[in-house]
């Protein structure tokens, strides 16, 4: 029997709101082309189809690491002010409750308490990029929340505990941006752009060129934690 290929872990930028499904600003007609091409190329670049994907989105924080154990998770439209059709997007990927059990055991063995829920839909940090990565929604998806403290040490330990999944056919994906206040980015006037205030250690960790186009859009996008009007279906 062939050994399962060890899968990488990925950190992907997901742009601003439903950026791939709306017209770009006239001044930047190719704003999303590079990022879209990068996301569409992930499947082929892996060389193998994962059995499931474990996604950690920057738009879900809970006191305990929490897993969405729905067998057919809905979608959480946690973006605002976009065209009406973007609230009718569909991504009917299966959930992965069996993988959730393995994740809980790995985290429990590492000393983490965890929680589960089944009503919160997959947020746009999941369904928007995966509409491009696996457009047929034919790979099961399990979403794991961030831990609300956002403590880097805690999350590095979480990642270490989950590493064995890479040898079990599970693709682990972090979805977010190193800088994501896109509204402030558009409002920036003369002088240093707002992302220059990022910590010094983060500046060398620049996003690969295909993703840089994401930095100019989504002025109307807001983080879920600031609003409560998100729609879920």
C-alpha atoms as a PDB file:
ATOM      1  CA  UNK A   1       0.000   0.000   0.000  1.00  0.00           C
ATOM      2  CA  UNK A   2       1.324   3.443  -0.933  1.00  0.00           C
ATOM      3  CA  UNK A   3       2.262   5.736   1.914  1.00  0.00           C
ATOM      4  CA  UNK A   4       0.176   8.897   2.279  1.00  0.00           C
ATOM      5  CA  UNK A   5       2.039  11.948   1.062  1.00  0.00           C
ATOM      6  CA  UNK A   6       2.809  14.456   3.802  1.00  0.00           C
ATOM      7  CA  UNK A   7       0.831  17.580   3.043  1.00  0.00           C
ATOM      8  CA  UNK A   8       2.130  21.087   3.616  1.00  0.00           C
ATOM      9  CA  UNK A   9       0.468  23.688   5.780  1.00  0.00           C
ATOM     10  CA  UNK A  10      -0.683  26.833   4.000  1.00  0.00           C
ATOM     11  CA  UNK A  11      -1.367  30.415   4.999  1.00  0.00           C
ATOM     12  CA  UNK A  12      -3.559  31.956   2.340  1.00  0.00           C
ATOM     13  CA  UNK A  13      -4.808  35.541   1.933  1.00  0.00           C
ATOM     14  CA  UNK A  14      -8.529  35.650   1.221  1.00  0.00           C
ATOM     15  CA  UNK A  15      -8.829  39.214  -0.051  1.00  0.00           C
ATOM     16  CA  UNK A  16     -11.600  41.591   0.985  1.00  0.00           C
ATOM     17  CA  UNK A  17     -15.143  40.302   1.410  1.00  0.00           C
ATOM     18  CA  UNK A  18     -16.462  38.544  -1.727  1.00  0.00           C
ATOM     19  CA  UNK A  19     -13.800  40.238  -3.847  1.00  0.00           C
ATOM     20  CA  UNK A  20     -13.620  37.570  -6.572  1.00  0.00           C
ATOM     21  CA  UNK A  21     -17.350  37.798  -7.248  1.00  0.00           C
ATOM     22  CA  UNK A  22     -17.724  41.539  -7.806  1.00  0.00           C
ATOM     23  CA  UNK A  23     -16.375  43.986 -10.357  1.00  0.00           C
ATOM     24  CA  UNK A  24     -13.031  45.524  -9.326  1.00  0.00           C
ATOM     25  CA  UNK A  25     -12.764  49.298  -8.972  1.00  0.00           C
ATOM     26  CA  UNK A  26     -12.360  50.961 -12.383  1.00  0.00           C
ATOM     27  CA  UNK A  27      -9.008  52.391 -11.336  1.00  0.00           C
ATOM     28  CA  UNK A  28      -7.683  48.874 -10.571  1.00  0.00           C
ATOM     29  CA  UNK A  29      -9.251  46.518 -13.135  1.00  0.00           C
ATOM     30  CA  UNK A  30      -6.779  43.711 -12.406  1.00  0.00           C
ATOM     31  CA  UNK A  31      -6.736  44.114  -8.658  1.00  0.00           C
ATOM     32  CA  UNK A  32      -7.673  40.519  -7.834  1.00  0.00           C
ATOM     33  CA  UNK A  33      -6.148  38.706 -10.819  1.00  0.00           C
ATOM     34  CA  UNK A  34      -2.916  37.656  -9.121  1.00  0.00           C
ATOM     35  CA  UNK A  35      -4.524  36.471  -5.914  1.00  0.00           C
ATOM     36  CA  UNK A  36      -7.252  34.630  -7.812  1.00  0.00           C
ATOM     37  CA  UNK A  37      -4.688  32.822  -9.962  1.00  0.00           C
ATOM     38  CA  UNK A  38      -2.713  31.848  -6.862  1.00  0.00           C
ATOM     39  CA  UNK A  39      -5.769  30.358  -5.129  1.00  0.00           C
ATOM     40  CA  UNK A  40      -6.923  28.536  -8.262  1.00  0.00           C
ATOM     41  CA  UNK A  41      -3.463  26.994  -8.603  1.00  0.00           C
ATOM     42  CA  UNK A  42      -3.267  25.502  -5.104  1.00  0.00           C
ATOM     43  CA  UNK A  43      -4.995  22.225  -5.985  1.00  0.00           C
ATOM     44  CA  UNK A  44      -2.581  21.395  -8.810  1.00  0.00           C
ATOM     45  CA  UNK A  45       0.426  22.554  -6.792  1.00  0.00           C
ATOM     46  CA  UNK A  46      -0.262  20.016  -4.046  1.00  0.00           C
ATOM     47  CA  UNK A  47      -0.069  17.046  -6.407  1.00  0.00           C
ATOM     48  CA  UNK A  48      -2.606  15.135  -4.320  1.00  0.00           C
ATOM     49  CA  UNK A  49      -6.202  15.668  -3.275  1.00  0.00           C
ATOM     50  CA  UNK A  50      -6.535  15.932   0.534  1.00  0.00           C
ATOM     51  CA  UNK A  51      -8.976  13.705   2.378  1.00  0.00           C
ATOM     52  CA  UNK A  52     -10.161  16.778   4.264  1.00  0.00           C
ATOM     53  CA  UNK A  53      -9.169  20.367   4.985  1.00  0.00           C
ATOM     54  CA  UNK A  54      -8.776  21.880   8.452  1.00  0.00           C
ATOM     55  CA  UNK A  55      -9.182  25.660   8.139  1.00  0.00           C
ATOM     56  CA  UNK A  56      -8.390  28.303  10.734  1.00  0.00           C
ATOM     57  CA  UNK A  57      -9.859  31.650   9.659  1.00  0.00           C
ATOM     58  CA  UNK A  58      -8.890  35.008  11.083  1.00  0.00           C
ATOM     59  CA  UNK A  59     -12.609  35.806  11.396  1.00  0.00           C
ATOM     60  CA  UNK A  60     -13.509  33.371  14.184  1.00  0.00           C
ATOM     61  CA  UNK A  61     -12.259  33.751  17.757  1.00  0.00           C
ATOM     62  CA  UNK A  62     -13.565  31.869  20.789  1.00  0.00           C
ATOM     63  CA  UNK A  63     -12.446  31.544  24.428  1.00  0.00           C
ATOM     64  CA  UNK A  64     -11.625  27.892  23.696  1.00  0.00           C
ATOM     65  CA  UNK A  65     -10.458  26.436  20.377  1.00  0.00           C
ATOM     66  CA  UNK A  66     -13.810  25.501  18.862  1.00  0.00           C
ATOM     67  CA  UNK A  67     -14.664  23.152  16.015  1.00  0.00           C
ATOM     68  CA  UNK A  68     -17.641  23.383  13.680  1.00  0.00           C
ATOM     69  CA  UNK A  69     -18.912  19.795  13.704  1.00  0.00           C
ATOM     70  CA  UNK A  70     -21.845  20.305  11.314  1.00  0.00           C
ATOM     71  CA  UNK A  71     -22.121  17.562   8.719  1.00  0.00           C
ATOM     72  CA  UNK A  72     -23.380  20.123   6.177  1.00  0.00           C
ATOM     73  CA  UNK A  73     -22.160  23.528   7.365  1.00  0.00           C
ATOM     74  CA  UNK A  74     -23.962  26.600   6.092  1.00  0.00           C
ATOM     75  CA  UNK A  75     -22.335  29.904   5.202  1.00  0.00           C
ATOM     76  CA  UNK A  76     -21.879  32.969   7.401  1.00  0.00           C
ATOM     77  CA  UNK A  77     -21.954  36.145   5.299  1.00  0.00           C
ATOM     78  CA  UNK A  78     -19.831  38.245   7.644  1.00  0.00           C
ATOM     79  CA  UNK A  79     -19.231  41.080   5.206  1.00  0.00           C
ATOM     80  CA  UNK A  80     -21.263  44.218   4.655  1.00  0.00           C
ATOM     81  CA  UNK A  81     -22.291  46.638   1.932  1.00  0.00           C
ATOM     82  CA  UNK A  82     -21.595  44.406  -1.057  1.00  0.00           C
ATOM     83  CA  UNK A  83     -23.934  43.621  -3.986  1.00  0.00           C
ATOM     84  CA  UNK A  84     -26.952  41.506  -3.150  1.00  0.00           C
ATOM     85  CA  UNK A  85     -25.847  38.546  -5.270  1.00  0.00           C
ATOM     86  CA  UNK A  86     -22.808  38.038  -3.035  1.00  0.00           C
ATOM     87  CA  UNK A  87     -25.164  37.005  -0.225  1.00  0.00           C
ATOM     88  CA  UNK A  88     -26.491  34.193  -2.385  1.00  0.00           C
ATOM     89  CA  UNK A  89     -23.146  32.456  -2.928  1.00  0.00           C
ATOM     90  CA  UNK A  90     -23.212  28.740  -2.227  1.00  0.00           C
ATOM     91  CA  UNK A  91     -20.485  26.367  -1.114  1.00  0.00           C
ATOM     92  CA  UNK A  92     -22.042  22.997  -0.210  1.00  0.00           C
ATOM     93  CA  UNK A  93     -18.895  21.244   1.015  1.00  0.00           C
ATOM     94  CA  UNK A  94     -19.415  18.436   3.489  1.00  0.00           C
ATOM     95  CA  UNK A  95     -18.293  18.906   7.046  1.00  0.00           C
ATOM     96  CA  UNK A  96     -15.825  16.575   8.745  1.00  0.00           C
ATOM     97  CA  UNK A  97     -17.110  15.612  12.206  1.00  0.00           C
ATOM     98  CA  UNK A  98     -14.920  12.510  12.206  1.00  0.00           C
ATOM     99  CA  UNK A  99     -11.858  14.693  11.722  1.00  0.00           C
ATOM    100  CA  UNK A 100     -13.126  16.916  14.544  1.00  0.00           C
ATOM    101  CA  UNK A 101     -12.833  13.984  16.921  1.00  0.00           C
ATOM    102  CA  UNK A 102      -9.219  13.424  15.913  1.00  0.00           C
ATOM    103  CA  UNK A 103      -8.472  17.123  16.314  1.00  0.00           C
ATOM    104  CA  UNK A 104     -10.016  17.174  19.783  1.00  0.00           C
ATOM    105  CA  UNK A 105      -7.960  14.179  20.836  1.00  0.00           C
ATOM    106  CA  UNK A 106      -4.713  15.678  19.560  1.00  0.00           C
ATOM    107  CA  UNK A 107      -5.417  18.971  21.299  1.00  0.00           C
ATOM    108  CA  UNK A 108      -6.567  17.240  24.471  1.00  0.00           C
ATOM    109  CA  UNK A 109      -3.379  15.170  24.588  1.00  0.00           C
ATOM    110  CA  UNK A 110      -1.470  18.465  24.337  1.00  0.00           C
ATOM    111  CA  UNK A 111      -3.365  19.922  27.305  1.00  0.00           C
ATOM    112  CA  UNK A 112      -5.943  22.024  25.469  1.00  0.00           C
ATOM    113  CA  UNK A 113      -9.586  22.216  26.368  1.00  0.00           C
ATOM    114  CA  UNK A 114     -11.785  22.467  23.281  1.00  0.00           C
ATOM    115  CA  UNK A 115     -15.388  23.150  22.400  1.00  0.00           C
ATOM    116  CA  UNK A 116     -17.697  22.292  19.509  1.00  0.00           C
ATOM    117  CA  UNK A 117     -20.633  23.932  17.764  1.00  0.00           C
ATOM    118  CA  UNK A 118     -22.729  23.175  14.704  1.00  0.00           C
ATOM    119  CA  UNK A 119     -24.793  26.301  13.937  1.00  0.00           C
ATOM    120  CA  UNK A 120     -22.239  28.906  12.923  1.00  0.00           C
ATOM    121  CA  UNK A 121     -21.673  28.739   9.179  1.00  0.00           C
ATOM    122  CA  UNK A 122     -18.318  28.791   7.440  1.00  0.00           C
ATOM    123  CA  UNK A 123     -17.261  32.449   7.363  1.00  0.00           C
ATOM    124  CA  UNK A 124     -16.008  34.272   4.286  1.00  0.00           C
ATOM    125  CA  UNK A 125     -12.410  33.548   5.261  1.00  0.00           C
ATOM    126  CA  UNK A 126     -13.271  29.941   4.355  1.00  0.00           C
ATOM    127  CA  UNK A 127     -15.891  29.856   1.617  1.00  0.00           C
ATOM    128  CA  UNK A 128     -14.601  32.764  -0.486  1.00  0.00           C
ATOM    129  CA  UNK A 129     -11.088  31.366  -1.116  1.00  0.00           C
ATOM    130  CA  UNK A 130     -12.287  27.769  -1.301  1.00  0.00           C
ATOM    131  CA  UNK A 131     -14.748  28.641  -4.036  1.00  0.00           C
ATOM    132  CA  UNK A 132     -11.560  29.132  -6.067  1.00  0.00           C
ATOM    133  CA  UNK A 133      -9.393  26.387  -4.550  1.00  0.00           C
ATOM    134  CA  UNK A 134     -11.964  23.567  -4.752  1.00  0.00           C
ATOM    135  CA  UNK A 135     -14.819  25.074  -6.798  1.00  0.00           C
ATOM    136  CA  UNK A 136     -16.760  21.806  -6.866  1.00  0.00           C
ATOM    137  CA  UNK A 137     -16.890  21.745  -3.048  1.00  0.00           C
ATOM    138  CA  UNK A 138     -15.763  18.121  -3.190  1.00  0.00           C
ATOM    139  CA  UNK A 139     -13.328  18.118  -0.244  1.00  0.00           C
ATOM    140  CA  UNK A 140     -14.744  18.004   3.312  1.00  0.00           C
ATOM    141  CA  UNK A 141     -13.981  21.090   5.393  1.00  0.00           C
ATOM    142  CA  UNK A 142     -13.613  21.461   9.153  1.00  0.00           C
ATOM    143  CA  UNK A 143     -13.261  24.954  10.597  1.00  0.00           C
ATOM    144  CA  UNK A 144     -11.350  25.560  13.832  1.00  0.00           C
ATOM    145  CA  UNK A 145     -11.526  28.872  15.669  1.00  0.00           C
ATOM    146  CA  UNK A 146      -8.649  30.942  16.911  1.00  0.00           C
ATOM    147  CA  UNK A 147      -8.230  31.146  20.664  1.00  0.00           C
ATOM    148  CA  UNK A 148      -9.522  34.551  21.722  1.00  0.00           C
ATOM    149  CA  UNK A 149      -6.347  35.632  23.540  1.00  0.00           C
ATOM    150  CA  UNK A 150      -4.520  35.554  20.166  1.00  0.00           C
ATOM    151  CA  UNK A 151      -1.426  34.584  22.149  1.00  0.00           C
ATOM    152  CA  UNK A 152       1.247  33.527  19.611  1.00  0.00           C
ATOM    153  CA  UNK A 153       2.748  30.983  22.022  1.00  0.00           C
ATOM    154  CA  UNK A 154      -0.633  29.296  22.465  1.00  0.00           C
ATOM    155  CA  UNK A 155      -1.226  29.118  18.733  1.00  0.00           C
ATOM    156  CA  UNK A 156       2.230  27.765  17.982  1.00  0.00           C
ATOM    157  CA  UNK A 157       1.515  25.004  20.498  1.00  0.00           C
ATOM    158  CA  UNK A 158      -1.835  24.357  18.819  1.00  0.00           C
ATOM    159  CA  UNK A 159      -0.094  24.027  15.488  1.00  0.00           C
ATOM    160  CA  UNK A 160       2.474  21.621  16.869  1.00  0.00           C
ATOM    161  CA  UNK A 161      -0.268  19.448  18.329  1.00  0.00           C
ATOM    162  CA  UNK A 162      -2.072  19.293  14.993  1.00  0.00           C
ATOM    163  CA  UNK A 163       1.018  18.502  12.901  1.00  0.00           C
ATOM    164  CA  UNK A 164       0.390  14.698  12.786  1.00  0.00           C
ATOM    165  CA  UNK A 165      -2.680  15.361  10.645  1.00  0.00           C
ATOM    166  CA  UNK A 166      -0.368  16.281   7.780  1.00  0.00           C
ATOM    167  CA  UNK A 167       0.599  12.608   7.511  1.00  0.00           C
ATOM    168  CA  UNK A 168      -3.051  11.527   7.523  1.00  0.00           C
ATOM    169  CA  UNK A 169      -4.142  13.259   4.329  1.00  0.00           C
ATOM    170  CA  UNK A 170      -5.357  16.463   6.007  1.00  0.00           C
ATOM    171  CA  UNK A 171      -4.474  19.849   4.547  1.00  0.00           C
ATOM    172  CA  UNK A 172      -4.131  22.483   7.288  1.00  0.00           C
ATOM    173  CA  UNK A 173      -4.872  26.012   6.091  1.00  0.00           C
ATOM    174  CA  UNK A 174      -4.679  29.352   7.861  1.00  0.00           C
ATOM    175  CA  UNK A 175      -6.775  32.005   6.129  1.00  0.00           C
ATOM    176  CA  UNK A 176      -6.193  35.670   6.829  1.00  0.00           C
ATOM    177  CA  UNK A 177      -3.927  38.598   6.089  1.00  0.00           C
ATOM    178  CA  UNK A 178      -0.855  40.039   7.783  1.00  0.00           C
ATOM    179  CA  UNK A 179      -2.637  43.401   7.432  1.00  0.00           C
ATOM    180  CA  UNK A 180      -6.426  43.472   7.013  1.00  0.00           C
ATOM    181  CA  UNK A 181      -7.772  46.940   7.870  1.00  0.00           C
ATOM    182  CA  UNK A 182      -8.590  47.591   4.265  1.00  0.00           C
ATOM    183  CA  UNK A 183     -10.841  50.569   4.975  1.00  0.00           C
ATOM    184  CA  UNK A 184      -8.005  52.447   6.689  1.00  0.00           C
ATOM    185  CA  UNK A 185      -5.728  51.501   3.832  1.00  0.00           C
ATOM    186  CA  UNK A 186      -8.008  53.332   1.422  1.00  0.00           C
ATOM    187  CA  UNK A 187      -8.380  56.323   3.714  1.00  0.00           C
ATOM    188  CA  UNK A 188      -4.630  56.735   4.181  1.00  0.00           C
ATOM    189  CA  UNK A 189      -3.467  60.169   3.141  1.00  0.00           C
ATOM    190  CA  UNK A 190       0.027  61.463   2.457  1.00  0.00           C
ATOM    191  CA  UNK A 191       2.723  60.040   4.664  1.00  0.00           C
ATOM    192  CA  UNK A 192       3.480  56.515   5.741  1.00  0.00           C
ATOM    193  CA  UNK A 193       0.780  53.996   4.847  1.00  0.00           C
ATOM    194  CA  UNK A 194      -0.950  52.488   7.916  1.00  0.00           C
ATOM    195  CA  UNK A 195       0.614  49.046   7.569  1.00  0.00           C
ATOM    196  CA  UNK A 196       4.012  50.591   8.257  1.00  0.00           C
ATOM    197  CA  UNK A 197       3.018  50.620  11.923  1.00  0.00           C
ATOM    198  CA  UNK A 198       3.113  46.819  12.015  1.00  0.00           C
ATOM    199  CA  UNK A 199       5.647  45.288  14.421  1.00  0.00           C
ATOM    200  CA  UNK A 200       9.181  45.211  13.087  1.00  0.00           C
ATOM    201  CA  UNK A 201       9.324  41.411  13.137  1.00  0.00           C
ATOM    202  CA  UNK A 202       6.392  41.236  10.718  1.00  0.00           C
ATOM    203  CA  UNK A 203       7.791  43.473   8.007  1.00  0.00           C
ATOM    204  CA  UNK A 204      10.279  40.925   6.565  1.00  0.00           C
ATOM    205  CA  UNK A 205       7.387  38.430   6.243  1.00  0.00           C
ATOM    206  CA  UNK A 206       6.068  40.004   3.085  1.00  0.00           C
ATOM    207  CA  UNK A 207       3.297  38.392   1.075  1.00  0.00           C
ATOM    208  CA  UNK A 208       4.366  36.732  -2.193  1.00  0.00           C
ATOM    209  CA  UNK A 209       3.813  38.889  -5.243  1.00  0.00           C
ATOM    210  CA  UNK A 210       0.646  37.115  -6.491  1.00  0.00           C
ATOM    211  CA  UNK A 211      -1.139  38.127  -3.298  1.00  0.00           C
ATOM    212  CA  UNK A 212      -0.039  41.759  -3.196  1.00  0.00           C
ATOM    213  CA  UNK A 213      -2.953  42.824  -5.390  1.00  0.00           C
ATOM    214  CA  UNK A 214      -5.303  42.136  -2.485  1.00  0.00           C
ATOM    215  CA  UNK A 215      -4.004  45.121  -0.545  1.00  0.00           C
ATOM    216  CA  UNK A 216      -5.927  47.784  -2.441  1.00  0.00           C
ATOM    217  CA  UNK A 217      -9.486  46.553  -2.219  1.00  0.00           C
ATOM    218  CA  UNK A 218     -12.373  45.753   0.049  1.00  0.00           C
ATOM    219  CA  UNK A 219     -12.716  49.245   1.475  1.00  0.00           C
ATOM    220  CA  UNK A 220     -16.214  48.350   2.566  1.00  0.00           C
ATOM    221  CA  UNK A 221     -15.161  45.108   4.239  1.00  0.00           C
ATOM    222  CA  UNK A 222     -15.240  45.031   8.038  1.00  0.00           C
ATOM    223  CA  UNK A 223     -14.103  42.358  10.478  1.00  0.00           C
ATOM    224  CA  UNK A 224     -16.864  40.199  11.940  1.00  0.00           C
ATOM    225  CA  UNK A 225     -15.986  41.088  15.497  1.00  0.00           C
ATOM    226  CA  UNK A 226     -17.025  44.727  14.942  1.00  0.00           C
ATOM    227  CA  UNK A 227     -20.522  44.006  13.662  1.00  0.00           C
ATOM    228  CA  UNK A 228     -23.370  41.699  14.565  1.00  0.00           C
ATOM    229  CA  UNK A 229     -25.440  41.852  11.373  1.00  0.00           C
ATOM    230  CA  UNK A 230     -23.820  38.924   9.597  1.00  0.00           C
ATOM    231  CA  UNK A 231     -26.216  36.683   7.680  1.00  0.00           C
ATOM    232  CA  UNK A 232     -25.994  32.920   8.020  1.00  0.00           C
ATOM    233  CA  UNK A 233     -27.697  30.350   5.856  1.00  0.00           C
END
